[in-house]
Amino acid sequence: AALARTIYPGLPGHAQNALVQIQLGGKGGTVLSLDLNGGKDAAFKFLNAMNIAVISNNLGDAKSIATHPATTTHQRLPEAQKEELGITPGLVRFSVGLEDADDLIADLLNALKVAQG
């Protein structure tokens, strides 16, 4: 499997899903994290294979954006702290933009295939 885990508050198993149901009417928001098996190499293959999303450190935009926290937003943290926070080498954060949903899904699925190798 390409994914070790998916982090999204809209998923029933997420620790804050009950809060999402109350505050967001069951919608989990537009940011999710995918933890790819294969670590940093798989994460970078995934990021480079996406055609729609832009690779960036900033997750707030009208266009879809992806980032690799271990080498960007959290790069200065000691490895032990990254591990404690769940910032693994394979973690990619994805912010969904205004592009067509079917196009984004196809792009993500293709990038996952590429990341698997």
C-alpha atoms as a PDB file:
ATOM      1  CA  ALA A   1       0.000   0.000   0.000  1.00  0.00           C
ATOM      2  CA  ALA A   2       1.203   3.489  -0.800  1.00  0.00           C
ATOM      3  CA  LEU A   3      -0.188   5.064   2.368  1.00  0.00           C
ATOM      4  CA  ALA A   4       0.820   4.387   5.955  1.00  0.00           C
ATOM      5  CA  ARG A   5      -1.971   6.675   7.196  1.00  0.00           C
ATOM      6  CA  THR A   6      -4.349   9.443   6.234  1.00  0.00           C
ATOM      7  CA  ILE A   7      -4.920  12.305   8.658  1.00  0.00           C
ATOM      8  CA  TYR A   8      -8.202  14.123   8.096  1.00  0.00           C
ATOM      9  CA  PRO A   9     -10.606  15.319  10.812  1.00  0.00           C
ATOM     10  CA  GLY A  10     -13.573  14.383   8.615  1.00  0.00           C
ATOM     11  CA  LEU A  11     -12.715  10.678   8.955  1.00  0.00           C
ATOM     12  CA  PRO A  12     -14.722   8.810  11.624  1.00  0.00           C
ATOM     13  CA  GLY A  13     -11.572   7.506  13.348  1.00  0.00           C
ATOM     14  CA  HIS A  14      -9.959  10.935  13.773  1.00  0.00           C
ATOM     15  CA  ALA A  15      -9.619  12.084  17.407  1.00  0.00           C
ATOM     16  CA  GLN A  16     -11.454  15.338  16.693  1.00  0.00           C
ATOM     17  CA  ASN A  17     -14.179  13.998  14.420  1.00  0.00           C
ATOM     18  CA  ALA A  18     -16.914  14.669  17.005  1.00  0.00           C
ATOM     19  CA  LEU A  19     -15.861  18.321  17.114  1.00  0.00           C
ATOM     20  CA  VAL A  20     -15.944  18.454  13.308  1.00  0.00           C
ATOM     21  CA  GLN A  21     -19.518  17.152  13.391  1.00  0.00           C
ATOM     22  CA  ILE A  22     -20.553  19.937  15.765  1.00  0.00           C
ATOM     23  CA  GLN A  23     -18.529  22.899  14.484  1.00  0.00           C
ATOM     24  CA  LEU A  24     -18.251  22.154  10.779  1.00  0.00           C
ATOM     25  CA  GLY A  25     -21.476  20.293  10.101  1.00  0.00           C
ATOM     26  CA  GLY A  26     -19.585  17.084   9.404  1.00  0.00           C
ATOM     27  CA  LYS A  27     -17.248  18.621   6.831  1.00  0.00           C
ATOM     28  CA  GLY A  28     -13.612  18.050   7.791  1.00  0.00           C
ATOM     29  CA  GLY A  29     -12.152  21.039   6.009  1.00  0.00           C
ATOM     30  CA  THR A  30      -9.840  21.309   3.032  1.00  0.00           C
ATOM     31  CA  VAL A  31      -6.494  20.235   4.512  1.00  0.00           C
ATOM     32  CA  LEU A  32      -5.419  16.623   4.870  1.00  0.00           C
ATOM     33  CA  SER A  33      -2.160  14.813   5.422  1.00  0.00           C
ATOM     34  CA  LEU A  34      -0.991  11.681   3.669  1.00  0.00           C
ATOM     35  CA  ASP A  35       1.815   9.654   5.202  1.00  0.00           C
ATOM     36  CA  LEU A  36       3.431   7.686   2.410  1.00  0.00           C
ATOM     37  CA  ASN A  37       5.209   4.396   2.906  1.00  0.00           C
ATOM     38  CA  GLY A  38       8.736   4.766   1.601  1.00  0.00           C
ATOM     39  CA  GLY A  39       9.635   7.917   3.526  1.00  0.00           C
ATOM     40  CA  LYS A  40      11.114  11.041   2.008  1.00  0.00           C
ATOM     41  CA  ASP A  41      11.851   9.420  -1.378  1.00  0.00           C
ATOM     42  CA  ALA A  42       8.218   8.360  -1.787  1.00  0.00           C
ATOM     43  CA  ALA A  43       6.969  11.742  -0.570  1.00  0.00           C
ATOM     44  CA  PHE A  44       9.161  13.597  -3.074  1.00  0.00           C
ATOM     45  CA  LYS A  45       8.132  11.275  -5.925  1.00  0.00           C
ATOM     46  CA  PHE A  46       4.513  11.942  -4.977  1.00  0.00           C
ATOM     47  CA  LEU A  47       4.999  15.718  -4.862  1.00  0.00           C
ATOM     48  CA  ASN A  48       6.881  15.787  -8.161  1.00  0.00           C
ATOM     49  CA  ALA A  49       4.266  13.618  -9.887  1.00  0.00           C
ATOM     50  CA  MET A  50       1.382  15.991  -9.161  1.00  0.00           C
ATOM     51  CA  ASN A  51       0.358  18.117 -12.112  1.00  0.00           C
ATOM     52  CA  ILE A  52      -2.309  20.304 -10.534  1.00  0.00           C
ATOM     53  CA  ALA A  53      -1.108  21.112  -7.018  1.00  0.00           C
ATOM     54  CA  VAL A  54       1.732  23.540  -6.470  1.00  0.00           C
ATOM     55  CA  ILE A  55       4.518  22.607  -4.045  1.00  0.00           C
ATOM     56  CA  SER A  56       4.744  25.328  -1.416  1.00  0.00           C
ATOM     57  CA  ASN A  57       5.331  26.029   2.287  1.00  0.00           C
ATOM     58  CA  ASN A  58       2.064  27.968   2.515  1.00  0.00           C
ATOM     59  CA  LEU A  59      -1.202  26.022   2.637  1.00  0.00           C
ATOM     60  CA  GLY A  60      -3.601  28.938   2.217  1.00  0.00           C
ATOM     61  CA  ASP A  61      -4.571  29.678  -1.380  1.00  0.00           C
ATOM     62  CA  ALA A  62      -7.372  29.236  -3.915  1.00  0.00           C
ATOM     63  CA  LYS A  63      -5.261  26.680  -5.781  1.00  0.00           C
ATOM     64  CA  SER A  64      -4.312  23.272  -4.437  1.00  0.00           C
ATOM     65  CA  ILE A  65      -1.009  23.236  -2.596  1.00  0.00           C
ATOM     66  CA  ALA A  66       1.135  20.448  -1.165  1.00  0.00           C
ATOM     67  CA  THR A  67       4.038  20.630   1.257  1.00  0.00           C
ATOM     68  CA  HIS A  68       6.573  18.288   2.855  1.00  0.00           C
ATOM     69  CA  PRO A  69       6.636  19.402   6.522  1.00  0.00           C
ATOM     70  CA  ALA A  70       9.791  17.480   7.489  1.00  0.00           C
ATOM     71  CA  THR A  71      11.897  19.536   5.074  1.00  0.00           C
ATOM     72  CA  THR A  72       9.956  22.817   5.154  1.00  0.00           C
ATOM     73  CA  THR A  73       7.690  24.051   7.953  1.00  0.00           C
ATOM     74  CA  HIS A  74       9.131  21.724  10.616  1.00  0.00           C
ATOM     75  CA  GLN A  75      12.683  21.311   9.320  1.00  0.00           C
ATOM     76  CA  ARG A  76      14.325  23.006  12.307  1.00  0.00           C
ATOM     77  CA  LEU A  77      12.717  20.741  14.890  1.00  0.00           C
ATOM     78  CA  PRO A  78      14.877  18.006  16.392  1.00  0.00           C
ATOM     79  CA  GLU A  79      14.112  14.551  14.977  1.00  0.00           C
ATOM     80  CA  ALA A  80      12.704  13.363  18.326  1.00  0.00           C
ATOM     81  CA  GLN A  81      10.207  16.226  18.384  1.00  0.00           C
ATOM     82  CA  LYS A  82       9.196  15.588  14.768  1.00  0.00           C
ATOM     83  CA  GLU A  83       8.602  11.955  15.666  1.00  0.00           C
ATOM     84  CA  GLU A  84       6.532  12.951  18.703  1.00  0.00           C
ATOM     85  CA  LEU A  85       4.404  15.240  16.531  1.00  0.00           C
ATOM     86  CA  GLY A  86       3.965  12.629  13.792  1.00  0.00           C
ATOM     87  CA  ILE A  87       6.029  14.582  11.266  1.00  0.00           C
ATOM     88  CA  THR A  88       7.443  11.556   9.439  1.00  0.00           C
ATOM     89  CA  PRO A  89       9.712  11.623   6.379  1.00  0.00           C
ATOM     90  CA  GLY A  90       6.781  10.391   4.284  1.00  0.00           C
ATOM     91  CA  LEU A  91       4.260  12.993   5.458  1.00  0.00           C
ATOM     92  CA  VAL A  92       2.734  15.309   2.844  1.00  0.00           C
ATOM     93  CA  ARG A  93       0.169  17.976   3.681  1.00  0.00           C
ATOM     94  CA  PHE A  94      -2.333  18.806   0.992  1.00  0.00           C
ATOM     95  CA  SER A  95      -4.605  21.833   0.855  1.00  0.00           C
ATOM     96  CA  VAL A  96      -7.503  21.426  -1.568  1.00  0.00           C
ATOM     97  CA  GLY A  97      -8.101  24.378  -3.864  1.00  0.00           C
ATOM     98  CA  LEU A  98     -10.866  25.313  -6.244  1.00  0.00           C
ATOM     99  CA  GLU A  99      -9.883  22.996  -9.091  1.00  0.00           C
ATOM    100  CA  ASP A 100     -12.290  20.338 -10.344  1.00  0.00           C
ATOM    101  CA  ALA A 101     -12.618  17.591  -7.712  1.00  0.00           C
ATOM    102  CA  ASP A 102     -12.393  14.748 -10.237  1.00  0.00           C
ATOM    103  CA  ASP A 103      -9.217  16.239 -11.710  1.00  0.00           C
ATOM    104  CA  LEU A 104      -7.661  16.527  -8.243  1.00  0.00           C
ATOM    105  CA  ILE A 105      -8.596  12.963  -7.320  1.00  0.00           C
ATOM    106  CA  ALA A 106      -7.106  11.643 -10.562  1.00  0.00           C
ATOM    107  CA  ASP A 107      -3.941  13.674  -9.964  1.00  0.00           C
ATOM    108  CA  LEU A 108      -3.552  12.389  -6.396  1.00  0.00           C
ATOM    109  CA  LEU A 109      -4.175   8.766  -7.402  1.00  0.00           C
ATOM    110  CA  ASN A 110      -1.622   9.048 -10.198  1.00  0.00           C
ATOM    111  CA  ALA A 111       0.929  10.602  -7.819  1.00  0.00           C
ATOM    112  CA  LEU A 112       0.381   7.745  -5.353  1.00  0.00           C
ATOM    113  CA  LYS A 113       1.074   5.209  -8.124  1.00  0.00           C
ATOM    114  CA  VAL A 114       4.284   7.025  -9.024  1.00  0.00           C
ATOM    115  CA  ALA A 115       5.328   7.170  -5.349  1.00  0.00           C
ATOM    116  CA  GLN A 116       4.919   3.407  -5.041  1.00  0.00           C
ATOM    117  CA  GLY A 117       7.557   3.062  -7.586  1.00  0.00           C
END
